[in-house]
C-alpha atoms as a PDB file:
ATOM      1  CA  MET A   1       4.153  34.239 -29.211  1.00  0.00           C
ATOM      2  CA  SER A   2       1.960  37.393 -30.153  1.00  0.00           C
ATOM      3  CA  ILE A   3      -0.900  38.279 -31.872  1.00  0.00           C
ATOM      4  CA  GLN A   4       0.690  40.837 -33.968  1.00  0.00           C
ATOM      5  CA  LYS A   5       0.909  38.498 -36.886  1.00  0.00           C
ATOM      6  CA  ILE A   6      -2.502  37.014 -36.579  1.00  0.00           C
ATOM      7  CA  LEU A   7      -5.107  37.944 -39.245  1.00  0.00           C
ATOM      8  CA  ALA A   8      -8.790  37.435 -39.448  1.00  0.00           C
ATOM      9  CA  VAL A   9      -9.503  37.045 -43.344  1.00  0.00           C
ATOM     10  CA  SER A  10     -13.146  38.133 -44.374  1.00  0.00           C
ATOM     11  CA  GLY A  11     -14.982  35.574 -45.921  1.00  0.00           C
ATOM     12  CA  LYS A  12     -12.917  32.684 -44.473  1.00  0.00           C
ATOM     13  CA  PRO A  13     -13.152  30.711 -41.210  1.00  0.00           C
ATOM     14  CA  GLY A  14     -11.196  30.776 -38.420  1.00  0.00           C
ATOM     15  CA  LEU A  15      -7.785  32.812 -38.104  1.00  0.00           C
ATOM     16  CA  TYR A  16      -4.381  33.094 -40.012  1.00  0.00           C
ATOM     17  CA  GLU A  17      -0.799  33.572 -39.154  1.00  0.00           C
ATOM     18  CA  LEU A  18       1.279  35.866 -41.416  1.00  0.00           C
ATOM     19  CA  LYS A  19       4.062  34.114 -42.921  1.00  0.00           C
ATOM     20  CA  ILE A  20       5.314  35.751 -46.077  1.00  0.00           C
ATOM     21  CA  GLN A  21       4.372  39.212 -47.718  1.00  0.00           C
ATOM     22  CA  THR A  22       4.599  39.200 -51.443  1.00  0.00           C
ATOM     23  CA  ARG A  23       4.346  41.517 -54.191  1.00  0.00           C
ATOM     24  CA  THR A  24       0.850  40.709 -54.624  1.00  0.00           C
ATOM     25  CA  GLY A  25      -0.337  39.976 -51.198  1.00  0.00           C
ATOM     26  CA  PHE A  26       0.689  37.514 -48.596  1.00  0.00           C
ATOM     27  CA  VAL A  27       0.876  33.989 -47.805  1.00  0.00           C
ATOM     28  CA  ALA A  28      -0.976  32.965 -44.428  1.00  0.00           C
ATOM     29  CA  GLU A  29      -1.343  29.630 -42.544  1.00  0.00           C
ATOM     30  CA  SER A  30      -4.631  28.781 -41.014  1.00  0.00           C
ATOM     31  CA  LEU A  31      -4.552  28.164 -37.388  1.00  0.00           C
ATOM     32  CA  LEU A  32      -7.430  25.714 -37.842  1.00  0.00           C
ATOM     33  CA  ASP A  33      -6.086  23.158 -40.256  1.00  0.00           C
ATOM     34  CA  GLY A  34      -2.436  24.309 -40.991  1.00  0.00           C
ATOM     35  CA  LYS A  35      -3.118  24.887 -44.587  1.00  0.00           C
ATOM     36  CA  LYS A  36      -1.365  27.788 -46.346  1.00  0.00           C
ATOM     37  CA  ILE A  37      -3.332  30.242 -48.492  1.00  0.00           C
ATOM     38  CA  THR A  38      -2.435  33.381 -50.714  1.00  0.00           C
ATOM     39  CA  VAL A  39      -4.374  36.484 -49.897  1.00  0.00           C
ATOM     40  CA  GLY A  40      -4.641  39.306 -52.434  1.00  0.00           C
ATOM     41  CA  MET A  41      -3.957  42.993 -51.582  1.00  0.00           C
ATOM     42  CA  ARG A  42      -7.928  43.615 -52.139  1.00  0.00           C
ATOM     43  CA  ALA A  43      -8.871  41.306 -49.507  1.00  0.00           C
ATOM     44  CA  ASN A  44     -10.617  42.363 -46.450  1.00  0.00           C
ATOM     45  CA  VAL A  45      -8.188  41.793 -43.887  1.00  0.00           C
ATOM     46  CA  SER A  46      -7.803  42.825 -40.038  1.00  0.00           C
ATOM     47  CA  LEU A  47      -4.809  42.435 -38.172  1.00  0.00           C
ATOM     48  CA  LEU A  48      -5.731  41.460 -34.156  1.00  0.00           C
ATOM     49  CA  SER A  49      -3.358  43.711 -33.099  1.00  0.00           C
ATOM     50  CA  GLU A  50      -5.347  46.467 -34.660  1.00  0.00           C
ATOM     51  CA  ILE A  51      -8.810  45.361 -33.363  1.00  0.00           C
ATOM     52  CA  ALA A  52     -10.526  47.775 -30.309  1.00  0.00           C
ATOM     53  CA  VAL A  53     -13.675  46.845 -28.325  1.00  0.00           C
ATOM     54  CA  TYR A  54     -15.775  50.067 -27.522  1.00  0.00           C
ATOM     55  CA  THR A  55     -16.458  50.941 -24.108  1.00  0.00           C
ATOM     56  CA  TYR A  56     -18.557  53.680 -22.717  1.00  0.00           C
ATOM     57  CA  SER A  57     -15.272  55.704 -22.224  1.00  0.00           C
ATOM     58  CA  GLU A  58     -12.795  54.526 -24.616  1.00  0.00           C
ATOM     59  CA  GLU A  59     -11.732  51.804 -27.118  1.00  0.00           C
ATOM     60  CA  VAL A  60      -9.706  48.916 -25.528  1.00  0.00           C
ATOM     61  CA  ARG A  61      -7.502  46.987 -27.579  1.00  0.00           C
ATOM     62  CA  LEU A  62      -8.256  43.169 -28.344  1.00  0.00           C
ATOM     63  CA  ALA A  63      -4.897  42.277 -26.680  1.00  0.00           C
ATOM     64  CA  GLU A  64      -6.371  43.654 -23.321  1.00  0.00           C
ATOM     65  CA  VAL A  65      -9.602  41.952 -23.627  1.00  0.00           C
ATOM     66  CA  LEU A  66      -7.999  38.710 -24.615  1.00  0.00           C
ATOM     67  CA  LYS A  67      -5.747  38.967 -21.586  1.00  0.00           C
ATOM     68  CA  ALA A  68      -8.593  39.733 -19.415  1.00  0.00           C
ATOM     69  CA  ILE A  69     -10.290  36.349 -20.244  1.00  0.00           C
ATOM     70  CA  ALA A  70      -6.789  34.519 -20.058  1.00  0.00           C
ATOM     71  CA  THR A  71      -6.790  36.063 -16.386  1.00  0.00           C
ATOM     72  CA  LYS A  72     -10.470  35.040 -15.644  1.00  0.00           C
ATOM     73  CA  GLU A  73      -9.694  31.370 -17.235  1.00  0.00           C
ATOM     74  CA  ASN A  74      -6.297  30.945 -15.195  1.00  0.00           C
ATOM     75  CA  ASP A  75      -4.877  30.661 -19.007  1.00  0.00           C
ATOM     76  CA  GLY A  76      -7.511  28.272 -19.926  1.00  0.00           C
ATOM     77  CA  PRO A  77     -10.050  27.774 -22.597  1.00  0.00           C
ATOM     78  CA  ALA A  78     -13.136  30.040 -22.032  1.00  0.00           C
ATOM     79  CA  ILE A  79     -16.702  29.078 -22.546  1.00  0.00           C
ATOM     80  CA  SER A  80     -18.301  28.220 -25.874  1.00  0.00           C
ATOM     81  CA  HIS A  81     -18.985  30.797 -28.599  1.00  0.00           C
ATOM     82  CA  LYS A  82     -22.202  28.734 -29.173  1.00  0.00           C
ATOM     83  CA  GLU A  83     -23.958  29.313 -25.726  1.00  0.00           C
ATOM     84  CA  ASP A  84     -26.944  31.608 -25.791  1.00  0.00           C
ATOM     85  CA  ASP A  85     -26.774  35.156 -26.126  1.00  0.00           C
ATOM     86  CA  ALA A  86     -27.767  36.132 -22.240  1.00  0.00           C
ATOM     87  CA  THR A  87     -24.861  33.910 -21.188  1.00  0.00           C
ATOM     88  CA  LEU A  88     -22.312  35.276 -23.586  1.00  0.00           C
ATOM     89  CA  LYS A  89     -23.152  38.926 -22.785  1.00  0.00           C
ATOM     90  CA  ALA A  90     -22.865  38.101 -18.786  1.00  0.00           C
ATOM     91  CA  TYR A  91     -19.737  36.483 -19.471  1.00  0.00           C
ATOM     92  CA  PHE A  92     -18.194  39.191 -21.639  1.00  0.00           C
ATOM     93  CA  ARG A  93     -19.524  41.880 -18.897  1.00  0.00           C
ATOM     94  CA  GLU A  94     -17.499  39.961 -16.355  1.00  0.00           C
ATOM     95  CA  ILE A  95     -14.646  40.492 -18.632  1.00  0.00           C
ATOM     96  CA  LEU A  96     -15.167  43.896 -19.729  1.00  0.00           C
ATOM     97  CA  PRO A  97     -17.751  45.691 -17.387  1.00  0.00           C
ATOM     98  CA  GLU A  98     -17.719  48.746 -19.189  1.00  0.00           C
ATOM     99  CA  PHE A  99     -18.596  47.623 -22.724  1.00  0.00           C
ATOM    100  CA  ASP A 100     -20.822  49.335 -24.653  1.00  0.00           C
ATOM    101  CA  GLU A 101     -23.875  47.143 -25.293  1.00  0.00           C
ATOM    102  CA  ASP A 102     -25.230  49.384 -28.348  1.00  0.00           C
ATOM    103  CA  ARG A 103     -21.962  48.951 -30.225  1.00  0.00           C
ATOM    104  CA  VAL A 104     -20.707  45.609 -29.150  1.00  0.00           C
ATOM    105  CA  TYR A 105     -23.342  42.985 -30.861  1.00  0.00           C
ATOM    106  CA  THR A 106     -23.448  39.385 -29.402  1.00  0.00           C
ATOM    107  CA  SER A 107     -21.917  38.460 -33.103  1.00  0.00           C
ATOM    108  CA  ASP A 108     -18.840  40.542 -32.128  1.00  0.00           C
ATOM    109  CA  ILE A 109     -18.622  38.641 -28.491  1.00  0.00           C
ATOM    110  CA  LYS A 110     -18.775  35.186 -29.943  1.00  0.00           C
ATOM    111  CA  LYS A 111     -16.080  36.121 -32.560  1.00  0.00           C
ATOM    112  CA  ILE A 112     -13.617  37.379 -29.361  1.00  0.00           C
ATOM    113  CA  ILE A 113     -14.641  34.036 -27.571  1.00  0.00           C
ATOM    114  CA  ASN A 114     -14.318  31.925 -30.428  1.00  0.00           C
ATOM    115  CA  TRP A 115     -10.679  33.419 -31.452  1.00  0.00           C
ATOM    116  CA  TYR A 116      -9.463  33.285 -27.930  1.00  0.00           C
ATOM    117  CA  ASN A 117     -10.398  29.669 -27.683  1.00  0.00           C
ATOM    118  CA  LEU A 118      -8.644  29.094 -31.234  1.00  0.00           C
ATOM    119  CA  LEU A 119      -5.580  31.041 -30.020  1.00  0.00           C
ATOM    120  CA  GLN A 120      -5.159  29.690 -26.509  1.00  0.00           C
ATOM    121  CA  PRO A 121      -4.295  25.930 -27.110  1.00  0.00           C
ATOM    122  CA  LYS A 122      -1.866  27.364 -29.290  1.00  0.00           C
ATOM    123  CA  GLY A 123       0.215  29.738 -26.931  1.00  0.00           C
ATOM    124  CA  PHE A 124      -0.728  33.003 -28.588  1.00  0.00           C
ATOM    125  CA  VAL A 125      -2.972  34.287 -25.697  1.00  0.00           C
ATOM    126  CA  THR A 126      -1.199  33.246 -22.362  1.00  0.00           C
ATOM    127  CA  LEU A 127      -1.031  35.941 -19.777  1.00  0.00           C
ATOM    128  CA  GLU A 128       2.779  35.930 -20.251  1.00  0.00           C
ATOM    129  CA  ALA A 129       2.662  36.501 -24.065  1.00  0.00           C
ATOM    130  CA  LEU A 130       0.047  39.304 -23.526  1.00  0.00           C
ATOM    131  CA  SER A 131       1.875  41.004 -21.054  1.00  0.00           C
ATOM    132  CA  LYS A 132       5.103  41.286 -23.282  1.00  0.00           C
ATOM    133  CA  GLU A 133       2.717  42.451 -26.303  1.00  0.00           C
ATOM    134  CA  GLU A 134       1.601  45.583 -24.114  1.00  0.00           C
ATOM    135  CA  ASP A 135       5.035  46.399 -23.646  1.00  0.00           C
ATOM    136  CA  THR A 136       5.651  46.462 -27.483  1.00  0.00           C
ATOM    137  CA  PRO A 137       4.137  49.173 -29.066  1.00  0.00           C
ATOM    138  CA  ALA A 138       2.157  48.581 -32.485  1.00  0.00           C
ATOM    139  CA  ALA A 139       3.673  49.530 -35.397  1.00  0.00           C
ATOM    140  CA  GLU A 140       2.046  52.560 -36.932  1.00  0.00           C
END
């Protein structure tokens, strides 16, 4: 499984898997409850494969950050995204020591950890799946 077809839809909780593209948008299935929704072309949607995290020297793809979490947790669940800010920043610093603390907010860290914990039990962020994804170039 891959995060290539996983979406974050603005204003909607959780993550969605792209199922079908239509003339007016697309149909996506919630990873939280399995319900299908239709999303119009005007909706603010982010593909997880296109998201990157700022570091002091470059931008690191989200897939690489998720792989670092999977490595640290030995393919298990991460800490809760509801931990206090200091704990979350310390944890994220272990994962990505060079993250730019001025541009990566605690809310971003919470979102990434929450996404990891949503994707991990469904098999989207195993070390094997993420390694395969790095070998496959993203469509441009």
